[in-house]
C-alpha atoms as a PDB file:
ATOM      1  CA  MET A   1       5.845  27.221  16.255  1.00  0.00           C
ATOM      2  CA  LYS A   2       6.217  23.893  17.824  1.00  0.00           C
ATOM      3  CA  ILE A   3       4.382  22.440  20.850  1.00  0.00           C
ATOM      4  CA  ILE A   4       6.734  20.153  23.035  1.00  0.00           C
ATOM      5  CA  ARG A   5       5.359  17.632  25.477  1.00  0.00           C
ATOM      6  CA  ALA A   6       8.033  16.379  27.741  1.00  0.00           C
ATOM      7  CA  ILE A   7       7.205  13.663  30.350  1.00  0.00           C
ATOM      8  CA  ILE A   8       9.911  13.497  32.866  1.00  0.00           C
ATOM      9  CA  ARG A   9      10.568  11.930  36.455  1.00  0.00           C
ATOM     10  CA  PRO A  10       9.362  14.085  39.135  1.00  0.00           C
ATOM     11  CA  GLU A  11      12.593  14.227  40.976  1.00  0.00           C
ATOM     12  CA  ARG A  12      14.053  15.842  37.754  1.00  0.00           C
ATOM     13  CA  GLU A  13      11.392  18.736  37.353  1.00  0.00           C
ATOM     14  CA  GLU A  14      13.725  21.399  39.134  1.00  0.00           C
ATOM     15  CA  ALA A  15      16.634  20.371  36.956  1.00  0.00           C
ATOM     16  CA  VAL A  16      14.738  20.464  33.794  1.00  0.00           C
ATOM     17  CA  ILE A  17      13.023  23.660  34.447  1.00  0.00           C
ATOM     18  CA  GLY A  18      16.502  25.366  35.500  1.00  0.00           C
ATOM     19  CA  LYS A  19      17.963  24.129  32.185  1.00  0.00           C
ATOM     20  CA  LEU A  20      14.850  25.785  30.082  1.00  0.00           C
ATOM     21  CA  GLU A  21      15.354  28.978  32.249  1.00  0.00           C
ATOM     22  CA  GLU A  22      19.092  29.214  31.509  1.00  0.00           C
ATOM     23  CA  ALA A  23      18.235  28.704  27.738  1.00  0.00           C
ATOM     24  CA  GLY A  24      15.921  31.851  28.094  1.00  0.00           C
ATOM     25  CA  LEU A  25      12.830  29.429  27.828  1.00  0.00           C
ATOM     26  CA  TYR A  26      10.428  30.673  30.822  1.00  0.00           C
ATOM     27  CA  ALA A  27       6.961  29.822  29.649  1.00  0.00           C
ATOM     28  CA  ILE A  28       5.869  26.265  30.701  1.00  0.00           C
ATOM     29  CA  THR A  29       2.700  24.381  31.730  1.00  0.00           C
ATOM     30  CA  LYS A  30       3.316  21.621  34.356  1.00  0.00           C
ATOM     31  CA  LEU A  31       0.732  18.801  34.930  1.00  0.00           C
ATOM     32  CA  GLY A  32       1.255  15.953  37.467  1.00  0.00           C
ATOM     33  CA  VAL A  33       0.574  12.699  35.145  1.00  0.00           C
ATOM     34  CA  LEU A  34       0.384   8.972  35.667  1.00  0.00           C
ATOM     35  CA  GLY A  35       1.658   6.269  33.222  1.00  0.00           C
ATOM     36  CA  ARG A  36       3.975   3.704  32.295  1.00  0.00           C
ATOM     37  CA  GLY A  37       6.429   3.004  29.360  1.00  0.00           C
ATOM     38  CA  ARG A  38       7.858  -0.063  27.901  1.00  0.00           C
ATOM     39  CA  GLN A  39       8.834  -1.509  31.346  1.00  0.00           C
ATOM     40  CA  ARG A  40       5.073  -1.922  32.179  1.00  0.00           C
ATOM     41  CA  GLY A  41       5.502  -0.154  35.682  1.00  0.00           C
ATOM     42  CA  ILE A  42       8.090  -1.554  38.346  1.00  0.00           C
ATOM     43  CA  HIS A  43       8.150  -4.314  40.814  1.00  0.00           C
ATOM     44  CA  ILE A  44       9.379  -3.871  44.136  1.00  0.00           C
ATOM     45  CA  GLY A  45       9.190  -7.187  46.228  1.00  0.00           C
ATOM     46  CA  LYS A  46       6.135  -8.922  45.555  1.00  0.00           C
ATOM     47  CA  VAL A  47       4.395  -5.519  44.848  1.00  0.00           C
ATOM     48  CA  LYS A  48       3.742  -4.545  41.062  1.00  0.00           C
ATOM     49  CA  TYR A  49       3.217  -0.584  40.556  1.00  0.00           C
ATOM     50  CA  ASP A  50       1.373  -0.683  37.225  1.00  0.00           C
ATOM     51  CA  THR A  51       1.411   3.157  36.787  1.00  0.00           C
ATOM     52  CA  LEU A  52       4.277   5.605  37.916  1.00  0.00           C
ATOM     53  CA  SER A  53       4.096   9.335  38.842  1.00  0.00           C
ATOM     54  CA  LYS A  54       5.579  11.680  36.045  1.00  0.00           C
ATOM     55  CA  VAL A  55       5.580  15.392  35.398  1.00  0.00           C
ATOM     56  CA  MET A  56       4.407  16.375  31.836  1.00  0.00           C
ATOM     57  CA  LEU A  57       5.831  19.948  30.661  1.00  0.00           C
ATOM     58  CA  LEU A  58       4.096  21.814  27.775  1.00  0.00           C
ATOM     59  CA  LEU A  59       6.001  24.370  25.795  1.00  0.00           C
ATOM     60  CA  VAL A  60       4.909  26.184  22.910  1.00  0.00           C
ATOM     61  CA  ILE A  61       7.955  27.859  21.146  1.00  0.00           C
ATOM     62  CA  GLU A  62       9.187  29.480  18.118  1.00  0.00           C
ATOM     63  CA  GLU A  63      10.996  27.161  15.490  1.00  0.00           C
ATOM     64  CA  ALA A  64      14.414  29.244  16.252  1.00  0.00           C
ATOM     65  CA  GLU A  65      14.156  27.936  19.880  1.00  0.00           C
ATOM     66  CA  TYR A  66      13.297  24.409  19.064  1.00  0.00           C
ATOM     67  CA  GLU A  67      16.691  22.687  19.304  1.00  0.00           C
ATOM     68  CA  LYS A  68      17.653  24.798  22.494  1.00  0.00           C
ATOM     69  CA  ALA A  69      14.539  23.623  24.017  1.00  0.00           C
ATOM     70  CA  ILE A  70      15.174  19.813  23.547  1.00  0.00           C
ATOM     71  CA  ALA A  71      18.675  20.125  24.527  1.00  0.00           C
ATOM     72  CA  ALA A  72      17.794  21.860  27.768  1.00  0.00           C
ATOM     73  CA  ILE A  73      15.118  18.940  28.446  1.00  0.00           C
ATOM     74  CA  VAL A  74      17.458  16.191  27.727  1.00  0.00           C
ATOM     75  CA  ALA A  75      20.261  17.869  29.864  1.00  0.00           C
ATOM     76  CA  GLY A  76      18.223  18.369  32.830  1.00  0.00           C
ATOM     77  CA  GLY A  77      16.066  15.130  32.651  1.00  0.00           C
ATOM     78  CA  GLU A  78      18.784  12.300  31.695  1.00  0.00           C
ATOM     79  CA  THR A  79      19.673  10.013  34.751  1.00  0.00           C
ATOM     80  CA  GLY A  80      20.978   7.066  32.385  1.00  0.00           C
ATOM     81  CA  TYR A  81      18.194   4.920  33.784  1.00  0.00           C
ATOM     82  CA  PRO A  82      15.092   3.563  32.330  1.00  0.00           C
ATOM     83  CA  GLY A  83      12.093   5.798  32.887  1.00  0.00           C
ATOM     84  CA  ASP A  84      13.665   9.041  32.135  1.00  0.00           C
ATOM     85  CA  GLY A  85      10.915  10.022  30.037  1.00  0.00           C
ATOM     86  CA  LYS A  86       9.832  11.106  26.542  1.00  0.00           C
ATOM     87  CA  ILE A  87       9.704  14.170  24.395  1.00  0.00           C
ATOM     88  CA  PHE A  88       6.806  14.746  21.863  1.00  0.00           C
ATOM     89  CA  VAL A  89       6.720  17.426  19.334  1.00  0.00           C
ATOM     90  CA  GLN A  90       4.202  18.690  17.173  1.00  0.00           C
ATOM     91  CA  SER A  91       3.645  21.652  14.813  1.00  0.00           C
ATOM     92  CA  VAL A  92       1.178  24.524  15.983  1.00  0.00           C
ATOM     93  CA  SER A  93      -0.798  25.845  13.186  1.00  0.00           C
ATOM     94  CA  GLU A  94      -2.344  28.925  14.996  1.00  0.00           C
ATOM     95  CA  SER A  95      -2.847  30.255  18.279  1.00  0.00           C
ATOM     96  CA  TYR A  96      -5.285  32.791  20.073  1.00  0.00           C
ATOM     97  CA  THR A  97      -4.706  35.299  22.584  1.00  0.00           C
ATOM     98  CA  ILE A  98      -7.645  35.053  25.229  1.00  0.00           C
ATOM     99  CA  ARG A  99      -7.466  38.324  26.512  1.00  0.00           C
ATOM    100  CA  THR A 100      -7.737  40.171  23.138  1.00  0.00           C
ATOM    101  CA  GLY A 101      -9.200  37.341  20.745  1.00  0.00           C
ATOM    102  CA  MET A 102      -6.303  38.136  18.346  1.00  0.00           C
ATOM    103  CA  ARG A 103      -5.108  35.122  16.190  1.00  0.00           C
ATOM    104  CA  SER A 104      -1.303  34.477  15.856  1.00  0.00           C
ATOM    105  CA  GLU A 105      -0.032  32.780  12.812  1.00  0.00           C
ATOM    106  CA  PRO A 106       3.238  31.032  13.233  1.00  0.00           C
ATOM    107  CA  VAL A 107       6.031  31.936  11.126  1.00  0.00           C
ATOM    108  CA  ASP A 108       7.881  28.686  10.412  1.00  0.00           C
END
């Protein structure tokens, strides 16, 4: 299993989630976050915005769904301008279902 953290533009949230759903990926956790990338914020006139509002999507998926998830996030989130976001991927060594307490071991 993999955990994907995608940090995207708030205005692309609907498009990204739509592409994930088209790919058959429905389990998503959404968080509103603040941050900045290499641009170190933006300047509008004399005002500098040091941190920008973004949305972080968290998905835990099976290995077989990995490529499909990345393609959906890129397709829904890309605008062609700086600040489109980043995708971070990590392996999941184990998970537990709270209701049952059962441990699930990933099959990679």
